[in-house]
Amino acid sequence: MAVKIRMKRCGTNNRSFWRIVVSEAKMPRDGRFIEEIGYYDPLPKDEKFVVKQDRLEYWLSQGAQASDTIKTLIKRSNKKAKK
């Protein structure tokens, strides 16, 4: 079973909101998932990206692959945390 960490779209038209989920690779984007580990809201002036760091590290240690977007968001949040 291939596991991915990716984004699931929520919200309404013109007001998107993304949840960070762990799901099987074969599942559709908004389909069934294993665990929700955070969220991303791009619309506020300073975008909100919240993720349960311990669960993220756990799933990465178990072999889950993060999507390119998730990798970028993690890097960006780490830069903000260092400042």
PDB file of N, CA and C in Angstrom:
ATOM      1  N   MET A   1       0.843  -1.177   0.000  1.00  0.00           N
ATOM      2  CA  MET A   1       0.000   0.000   0.000  1.00  0.00           C
ATOM      3  C   MET A   1       0.889   1.241   0.000  1.00  0.00           C
ATOM      4  N   ALA A   2       0.793   2.060  -1.038  1.00  0.00           N
ATOM      5  CA  ALA A   2       1.534   3.316  -1.128  1.00  0.00           C
ATOM      6  C   ALA A   2       0.736   4.419  -0.440  1.00  0.00           C
ATOM      7  N   VAL A   3       1.388   5.126   0.464  1.00  0.00           N
ATOM      8  CA  VAL A   3       0.716   6.167   1.238  1.00  0.00           C
ATOM      9  C   VAL A   3       1.298   7.523   0.860  1.00  0.00           C
ATOM     10  N   LYS A   4       0.412   8.511   0.699  1.00  0.00           N
ATOM     11  CA  LYS A   4       0.825   9.866   0.336  1.00  0.00           C
ATOM     12  C   LYS A   4       0.288  10.856   1.352  1.00  0.00           C
ATOM     13  N   ILE A   5       1.050  11.928   1.546  1.00  0.00           N
ATOM     14  CA  ILE A   5       0.591  13.062   2.341  1.00  0.00           C
ATOM     15  C   ILE A   5       0.270  14.144   1.341  1.00  0.00           C
ATOM     16  N   ARG A   6      -0.997  14.542   1.283  1.00  0.00           N
ATOM     17  CA  ARG A   6      -1.421  15.501   0.275  1.00  0.00           C
ATOM     18  C   ARG A   6      -2.567  16.361   0.778  1.00  0.00           C
ATOM     19  N   MET A   7      -3.075  17.213  -0.106  1.00  0.00           N
ATOM     20  CA  MET A   7      -4.095  18.174   0.264  1.00  0.00           C
ATOM     21  C   MET A   7      -5.469  17.735  -0.236  1.00  0.00           C
ATOM     22  N   LYS A   8      -6.481  17.971   0.593  1.00  0.00           N
ATOM     23  CA  LYS A   8      -7.865  17.672   0.260  1.00  0.00           C
ATOM     24  C   LYS A   8      -8.615  19.001   0.253  1.00  0.00           C
ATOM     25  N   ARG A   9      -9.326  19.310  -0.830  1.00  0.00           N
ATOM     26  CA  ARG A   9      -9.970  20.610  -0.958  1.00  0.00           C
ATOM     27  C   ARG A   9     -11.297  20.636  -0.225  1.00  0.00           C
ATOM     28  N   CYS A  10     -11.507  21.716   0.522  1.00  0.00           N
ATOM     29  CA  CYS A  10     -12.761  21.970   1.218  1.00  0.00           C
ATOM     30  C   CYS A  10     -13.148  23.419   0.924  1.00  0.00           C
ATOM     31  N   GLY A  11     -14.264  23.841   1.436  1.00  0.00           N
ATOM     32  CA  GLY A  11     -14.684  25.224   1.247  1.00  0.00           C
ATOM     33  C   GLY A  11     -15.646  25.366   0.088  1.00  0.00           C
ATOM     34  N   THR A  12     -15.918  26.607  -0.280  1.00  0.00           N
ATOM     35  CA  THR A  12     -16.860  26.903  -1.351  1.00  0.00           C
ATOM     36  C   THR A  12     -16.143  27.523  -2.538  1.00  0.00           C
ATOM     37  N   ASN A  13     -16.905  27.862  -3.553  1.00  0.00           N
ATOM     38  CA  ASN A  13     -16.320  28.543  -4.706  1.00  0.00           C
ATOM     39  C   ASN A  13     -15.682  29.854  -4.261  1.00  0.00           C
ATOM     40  N   ASN A  14     -14.495  30.136  -4.765  1.00  0.00           N
ATOM     41  CA  ASN A  14     -13.741  31.355  -4.457  1.00  0.00           C
ATOM     42  C   ASN A  14     -13.356  31.469  -2.987  1.00  0.00           C
ATOM     43  N   ARG A  15     -13.490  30.438  -2.226  1.00  0.00           N
ATOM     44  CA  ARG A  15     -13.083  30.434  -0.814  1.00  0.00           C
ATOM     45  C   ARG A  15     -12.549  29.043  -0.464  1.00  0.00           C
ATOM     46  N   SER A  16     -11.477  28.679  -1.134  1.00  0.00           N
ATOM     47  CA  SER A  16     -10.943  27.330  -0.933  1.00  0.00           C
ATOM     48  C   SER A  16     -10.200  27.226   0.390  1.00  0.00           C
ATOM     49  N   PHE A  17     -10.196  26.058   0.926  1.00  0.00           N
ATOM     50  CA  PHE A  17      -9.591  25.723   2.199  1.00  0.00           C
ATOM     51  C   PHE A  17      -9.071  24.305   2.023  1.00  0.00           C
ATOM     52  N   TRP A  18      -7.851  24.041   2.430  1.00  0.00           N
ATOM     53  CA  TRP A  18      -7.245  22.739   2.171  1.00  0.00           C
ATOM     54  C   TRP A  18      -6.934  22.030   3.474  1.00  0.00           C
ATOM     55  N   ARG A  19      -7.220  20.741   3.544  1.00  0.00           N
ATOM     56  CA  ARG A  19      -6.843  19.915   4.680  1.00  0.00           C
ATOM     57  C   ARG A  19      -5.662  19.043   4.275  1.00  0.00           C
ATOM     58  N   ILE A  20      -4.721  18.889   5.168  1.00  0.00           N
ATOM     59  CA  ILE A  20      -3.557  18.043   4.927  1.00  0.00           C
ATOM     60  C   ILE A  20      -3.922  16.653   5.442  1.00  0.00           C
ATOM     61  N   VAL A  21      -3.942  15.670   4.541  1.00  0.00           N
ATOM     62  CA  VAL A  21      -4.369  14.333   4.904  1.00  0.00           C
ATOM     63  C   VAL A  21      -3.342  13.292   4.471  1.00  0.00           C
ATOM     64  N   VAL A  22      -3.420  12.151   5.118  1.00  0.00           N
ATOM     65  CA  VAL A  22      -2.626  10.974   4.751  1.00  0.00           C
ATOM     66  C   VAL A  22      -3.608  10.004   4.117  1.00  0.00           C
ATOM     67  N   SER A  23      -3.339   9.600   2.874  1.00  0.00           N
ATOM     68  CA  SER A  23      -4.262   8.701   2.186  1.00  0.00           C
ATOM     69  C   SER A  23      -3.497   7.745   1.290  1.00  0.00           C
ATOM     70  N   GLU A  24      -4.187   6.718   0.846  1.00  0.00           N
ATOM     71  CA  GLU A  24      -3.593   5.800  -0.114  1.00  0.00           C
ATOM     72  C   GLU A  24      -3.446   6.523  -1.444  1.00  0.00           C
ATOM     73  N   ALA A  25      -2.433   6.162  -2.190  1.00  0.00           N
ATOM     74  CA  ALA A  25      -2.145   6.848  -3.439  1.00  0.00           C
ATOM     75  C   ALA A  25      -3.259   6.677  -4.474  1.00  0.00           C
ATOM     76  N   LYS A  26      -3.981   5.575  -4.419  1.00  0.00           N
ATOM     77  CA  LYS A  26      -5.009   5.299  -5.421  1.00  0.00           C
ATOM     78  C   LYS A  26      -6.334   6.010  -5.147  1.00  0.00           C
ATOM     79  N   MET A  27      -6.498   6.569  -3.960  1.00  0.00           N
ATOM     80  CA  MET A  27      -7.738   7.252  -3.616  1.00  0.00           C
ATOM     81  C   MET A  27      -7.831   8.600  -4.334  1.00  0.00           C
ATOM     82  N   PRO A  28      -9.051   9.042  -4.682  1.00  0.00           N
ATOM     83  CA  PRO A  28      -9.197  10.355  -5.315  1.00  0.00           C
ATOM     84  C   PRO A  28      -8.829  11.487  -4.356  1.00  0.00           C
ATOM     85  N   ARG A  29      -8.628  12.680  -4.895  1.00  0.00           N
ATOM     86  CA  ARG A  29      -8.177  13.825  -4.108  1.00  0.00           C
ATOM     87  C   ARG A  29      -9.062  14.082  -2.888  1.00  0.00           C
ATOM     88  N   ASP A  30     -10.368  14.104  -3.085  1.00  0.00           N
ATOM     89  CA  ASP A  30     -11.288  14.397  -1.993  1.00  0.00           C
ATOM     90  C   ASP A  30     -11.938  13.129  -1.438  1.00  0.00           C
ATOM     91  N   GLY A  31     -11.338  11.991  -1.696  1.00  0.00           N
ATOM     92  CA  GLY A  31     -11.909  10.720  -1.269  1.00  0.00           C
ATOM     93  C   GLY A  31     -11.511  10.333   0.138  1.00  0.00           C
ATOM     94  N   ARG A  32     -11.594   9.042   0.389  1.00  0.00           N
ATOM     95  CA  ARG A  32     -11.309   8.488   1.707  1.00  0.00           C
ATOM     96  C   ARG A  32      -9.846   8.726   2.083  1.00  0.00           C
ATOM     97  N   PHE A  33      -9.603   8.958   3.360  1.00  0.00           N
ATOM     98  CA  PHE A  33      -8.242   9.171   3.830  1.00  0.00           C
ATOM     99  C   PHE A  33      -8.012   8.419   5.133  1.00  0.00           C
ATOM    100  N   ILE A  34      -6.754   8.258   5.512  1.00  0.00           N
ATOM    101  CA  ILE A  34      -6.385   7.535   6.715  1.00  0.00           C
ATOM    102  C   ILE A  34      -6.429   8.454   7.935  1.00  0.00           C
ATOM    103  N   GLU A  35      -5.812   9.628   7.806  1.00  0.00           N
ATOM    104  CA  GLU A  35      -5.728  10.546   8.947  1.00  0.00           C
ATOM    105  C   GLU A  35      -5.591  11.981   8.448  1.00  0.00           C
ATOM    106  N   GLU A  36      -6.219  12.905   9.163  1.00  0.00           N
ATOM    107  CA  GLU A  36      -6.062  14.331   8.884  1.00  0.00           C
ATOM    108  C   GLU A  36      -5.015  14.873   9.842  1.00  0.00           C
ATOM    109  N   ILE A  37      -3.967  15.509   9.296  1.00  0.00           N
ATOM    110  CA  ILE A  37      -2.882  15.964  10.160  1.00  0.00           C
ATOM    111  C   ILE A  37      -2.702  17.477  10.175  1.00  0.00           C
ATOM    112  N   GLY A  38      -3.533  18.218   9.462  1.00  0.00           N
ATOM    113  CA  GLY A  38      -3.397  19.667   9.491  1.00  0.00           C
ATOM    114  C   GLY A  38      -4.301  20.342   8.481  1.00  0.00           C
ATOM    115  N   TYR A  39      -4.083  21.660   8.297  1.00  0.00           N
ATOM    116  CA  TYR A  39      -4.854  22.410   7.308  1.00  0.00           C
ATOM    117  C   TYR A  39      -4.035  23.563   6.751  1.00  0.00           C
ATOM    118  N   TYR A  40      -4.495  24.112   5.632  1.00  0.00           N
ATOM    119  CA  TYR A  40      -3.847  25.239   4.963  1.00  0.00           C
ATOM    120  C   TYR A  40      -4.936  26.165   4.451  1.00  0.00           C
ATOM    121  N   ASP A  41      -4.890  27.426   4.859  1.00  0.00           N
ATOM    122  CA  ASP A  41      -5.849  28.434   4.415  1.00  0.00           C
ATOM    123  C   ASP A  41      -5.081  29.531   3.695  1.00  0.00           C
ATOM    124  N   PRO A  42      -5.140  29.589   2.347  1.00  0.00           N
ATOM    125  CA  PRO A  42      -4.326  30.536   1.599  1.00  0.00           C
ATOM    126  C   PRO A  42      -4.870  31.959   1.540  1.00  0.00           C
ATOM    127  N   LEU A  43      -6.111  32.187   1.943  1.00  0.00           N
ATOM    128  CA  LEU A  43      -6.729  33.482   1.696  1.00  0.00           C
ATOM    129  C   LEU A  43      -6.455  34.588   2.708  1.00  0.00           C
ATOM    130  N   PRO A  44      -6.229  34.329   3.985  1.00  0.00           N
ATOM    131  CA  PRO A  44      -5.916  35.465   4.865  1.00  0.00           C
ATOM    132  C   PRO A  44      -4.638  36.171   4.418  1.00  0.00           C
ATOM    133  N   LYS A  45      -4.465  37.403   4.895  1.00  0.00           N
ATOM    134  CA  LYS A  45      -3.299  38.191   4.481  1.00  0.00           C
ATOM    135  C   LYS A  45      -1.997  37.416   4.705  1.00  0.00           C
ATOM    136  N   ASP A  46      -1.849  36.848   5.885  1.00  0.00           N
ATOM    137  CA  ASP A  46      -0.728  35.931   6.113  1.00  0.00           C
ATOM    138  C   ASP A  46      -1.324  34.526   6.194  1.00  0.00           C
ATOM    139  N   GLU A  47      -1.077  33.755   5.167  1.00  0.00           N
ATOM    140  CA  GLU A  47      -1.710  32.438   5.037  1.00  0.00           C
ATOM    141  C   GLU A  47      -1.455  31.568   6.264  1.00  0.00           C
ATOM    142  N   LYS A  48      -2.424  30.730   6.587  1.00  0.00           N
ATOM    143  CA  LYS A  48      -2.329  29.854   7.755  1.00  0.00           C
ATOM    144  C   LYS A  48      -1.985  28.445   7.308  1.00  0.00           C
ATOM    145  N   PHE A  49      -0.912  27.920   7.855  1.00  0.00           N
ATOM    146  CA  PHE A  49      -0.513  26.538   7.602  1.00  0.00           C
ATOM    147  C   PHE A  49      -0.238  25.904   8.949  1.00  0.00           C
ATOM    148  N   VAL A  50      -1.080  24.956   9.338  1.00  0.00           N
ATOM    149  CA  VAL A  50      -0.950  24.284  10.629  1.00  0.00           C
ATOM    150  C   VAL A  50      -0.875  22.793  10.366  1.00  0.00           C
ATOM    151  N   VAL A  51       0.125  22.149  10.943  1.00  0.00           N
ATOM    152  CA  VAL A  51       0.276  20.706  10.784  1.00  0.00           C
ATOM    153  C   VAL A  51       0.748  20.114  12.109  1.00  0.00           C
ATOM    154  N   LYS A  52       0.238  18.926  12.422  1.00  0.00           N
ATOM    155  CA  LYS A  52       0.685  18.213  13.626  1.00  0.00           C
ATOM    156  C   LYS A  52       2.059  17.629  13.307  1.00  0.00           C
ATOM    157  N   GLN A  53       3.092  18.261  13.830  1.00  0.00           N
ATOM    158  CA  GLN A  53       4.465  17.908  13.484  1.00  0.00           C
ATOM    159  C   GLN A  53       4.800  16.471  13.859  1.00  0.00           C
ATOM    160  N   ASP A  54       4.320  16.017  15.010  1.00  0.00           N
ATOM    161  CA  ASP A  54       4.644  14.647  15.435  1.00  0.00           C
ATOM    162  C   ASP A  54       4.025  13.617  14.494  1.00  0.00           C
ATOM    163  N   ARG A  55       2.805  13.846  14.032  1.00  0.00           N
ATOM    164  CA  ARG A  55       2.149  12.910  13.110  1.00  0.00           C
ATOM    165  C   ARG A  55       2.799  12.965  11.728  1.00  0.00           C
ATOM    166  N   LEU A  56       3.213  14.150  11.299  1.00  0.00           N
ATOM    167  CA  LEU A  56       3.907  14.280  10.019  1.00  0.00           C
ATOM    168  C   LEU A  56       5.206  13.478  10.040  1.00  0.00           C
ATOM    169  N   GLU A  57       5.976  13.639  11.099  1.00  0.00           N
ATOM    170  CA  GLU A  57       7.234  12.897  11.216  1.00  0.00           C
ATOM    171  C   GLU A  57       6.989  11.391  11.290  1.00  0.00           C
ATOM    172  N   TYR A  58       5.927  10.988  11.986  1.00  0.00           N
ATOM    173  CA  TYR A  58       5.594   9.569  12.082  1.00  0.00           C
ATOM    174  C   TYR A  58       5.318   8.988  10.697  1.00  0.00           C
ATOM    175  N   TRP A  59       4.456   9.644   9.924  1.00  0.00           N
ATOM    176  CA  TRP A  59       4.091   9.109   8.616  1.00  0.00           C
ATOM    177  C   TRP A  59       5.271   9.130   7.652  1.00  0.00           C
ATOM    178  N   LEU A  60       6.108  10.147   7.729  1.00  0.00           N
ATOM    179  CA  LEU A  60       7.295  10.168   6.877  1.00  0.00           C
ATOM    180  C   LEU A  60       8.251   9.033   7.259  1.00  0.00           C
ATOM    181  N   SER A  61       8.362   8.727   8.546  1.00  0.00           N
ATOM    182  CA  SER A  61       9.227   7.628   8.977  1.00  0.00           C
ATOM    183  C   SER A  61       8.665   6.275   8.560  1.00  0.00           C
ATOM    184  N   GLN A  62       7.351   6.190   8.364  1.00  0.00           N
ATOM    185  CA  GLN A  62       6.724   4.949   7.932  1.00  0.00           C
ATOM    186  C   GLN A  62       6.779   4.772   6.414  1.00  0.00           C
ATOM    187  N   GLY A  63       7.330   5.746   5.698  1.00  0.00           N
ATOM    188  CA  GLY A  63       7.501   5.616   4.258  1.00  0.00           C
ATOM    189  C   GLY A  63       6.499   6.379   3.420  1.00  0.00           C
ATOM    190  N   ALA A  64       5.677   7.223   4.037  1.00  0.00           N
ATOM    191  CA  ALA A  64       4.713   8.017   3.269  1.00  0.00           C
ATOM    192  C   ALA A  64       5.460   9.068   2.454  1.00  0.00           C
ATOM    193  N   GLN A  65       4.973   9.337   1.253  1.00  0.00           N
ATOM    194  CA  GLN A  65       5.582  10.318   0.370  1.00  0.00           C
ATOM    195  C   GLN A  65       4.773  11.606   0.414  1.00  0.00           C
ATOM    196  N   ALA A  66       5.419  12.727   0.706  1.00  0.00           N
ATOM    197  CA  ALA A  66       4.746  14.020   0.711  1.00  0.00           C
ATOM    198  C   ALA A  66       4.671  14.550  -0.716  1.00  0.00           C
ATOM    199  N   SER A  67       3.558  15.193  -1.061  1.00  0.00           N
ATOM    200  CA  SER A  67       3.425  15.784  -2.390  1.00  0.00           C
ATOM    201  C   SER A  67       4.348  17.001  -2.497  1.00  0.00           C
ATOM    202  N   ASP A  68       4.582  17.459  -3.703  1.00  0.00           N
ATOM    203  CA  ASP A  68       5.463  18.604  -3.925  1.00  0.00           C
ATOM    204  C   ASP A  68       4.942  19.854  -3.214  1.00  0.00           C
ATOM    205  N   THR A  69       3.641  20.051  -3.235  1.00  0.00           N
ATOM    206  CA  THR A  69       3.045  21.214  -2.585  1.00  0.00           C
ATOM    207  C   THR A  69       3.255  21.157  -1.081  1.00  0.00           C
ATOM    208  N   ILE A  70       3.084  20.007  -0.493  1.00  0.00           N
ATOM    209  CA  ILE A  70       3.275  19.854   0.950  1.00  0.00           C
ATOM    210  C   ILE A  70       4.734  20.118   1.306  1.00  0.00           C
ATOM    211  N   LYS A  71       5.666  19.610   0.509  1.00  0.00           N
ATOM    212  CA  LYS A  71       7.084  19.860   0.766  1.00  0.00           C
ATOM    213  C   LYS A  71       7.376  21.353   0.753  1.00  0.00           C
ATOM    214  N   THR A  72       6.820  22.071  -0.215  1.00  0.00           N
ATOM    215  CA  THR A  72       7.029  23.508  -0.329  1.00  0.00           C
ATOM    216  C   THR A  72       6.455  24.243   0.877  1.00  0.00           C
ATOM    217  N   LEU A  73       5.246  23.869   1.300  1.00  0.00           N
ATOM    218  CA  LEU A  73       4.617  24.526   2.438  1.00  0.00           C
ATOM    219  C   LEU A  73       5.396  24.279   3.727  1.00  0.00           C
ATOM    220  N   ILE A  74       5.930  23.083   3.894  1.00  0.00           N
ATOM    221  CA  ILE A  74       6.716  22.766   5.080  1.00  0.00           C
ATOM    222  C   ILE A  74       7.989  23.604   5.107  1.00  0.00           C
ATOM    223  N   LYS A  75       8.674  23.702   3.966  1.00  0.00           N
ATOM    224  CA  LYS A  75       9.883  24.512   3.894  1.00  0.00           C
ATOM    225  C   LYS A  75       9.577  25.971   4.217  1.00  0.00           C
ATOM    226  N   ARG A  76       8.486  26.496   3.663  1.00  0.00           N
ATOM    227  CA  ARG A  76       8.104  27.885   3.882  1.00  0.00           C
ATOM    228  C   ARG A  76       7.764  28.138   5.357  1.00  0.00           C
ATOM    229  N   SER A  77       7.066  27.213   5.982  1.00  0.00           N
ATOM    230  CA  SER A  77       6.708  27.393   7.397  1.00  0.00           C
ATOM    231  C   SER A  77       7.958  27.292   8.290  1.00  0.00           C
ATOM    232  N   ASN A  78       8.925  26.449   7.924  1.00  0.00           N
ATOM    233  CA  ASN A  78      10.159  26.349   8.694  1.00  0.00           C
ATOM    234  C   ASN A  78      10.968  27.640   8.596  1.00  0.00           C
ATOM    235  N   LYS A  79      10.965  28.277   7.416  1.00  0.00           N
ATOM    236  CA  LYS A  79      11.655  29.554   7.262  1.00  0.00           C
ATOM    237  C   LYS A  79      11.018  30.626   8.137  1.00  0.00           C
ATOM    238  N   LYS A  80       9.679  30.666   8.161  1.00  0.00           N
ATOM    239  CA  LYS A  80       8.982  31.650   8.994  1.00  0.00           C
ATOM    240  C   LYS A  80       9.258  31.417  10.468  1.00  0.00           C
ATOM    241  N   ALA A  81       9.353  30.156  10.870  1.00  0.00           N
ATOM    242  CA  ALA A  81       9.598  29.830  12.275  1.00  0.00           C
ATOM    243  C   ALA A  81      10.997  30.262  12.714  1.00  0.00           C
ATOM    244  N   LYS A  82      11.947  30.198  11.800  1.00  0.00           N
ATOM    245  CA  LYS A  82      13.326  30.577  12.134  1.00  0.00           C
ATOM    246  C   LYS A  82      13.474  32.092  12.287  1.00  0.00           C
ATOM    247  N   LYS A  83      12.644  32.863  11.591  1.00  0.00           N
ATOM    248  CA  LYS A  83      12.739  34.329  11.660  1.00  0.00           C
ATOM    249  C   LYS A  83      12.195  34.848  12.916  1.00  0.00           C
TER     250      LYS A  83
END
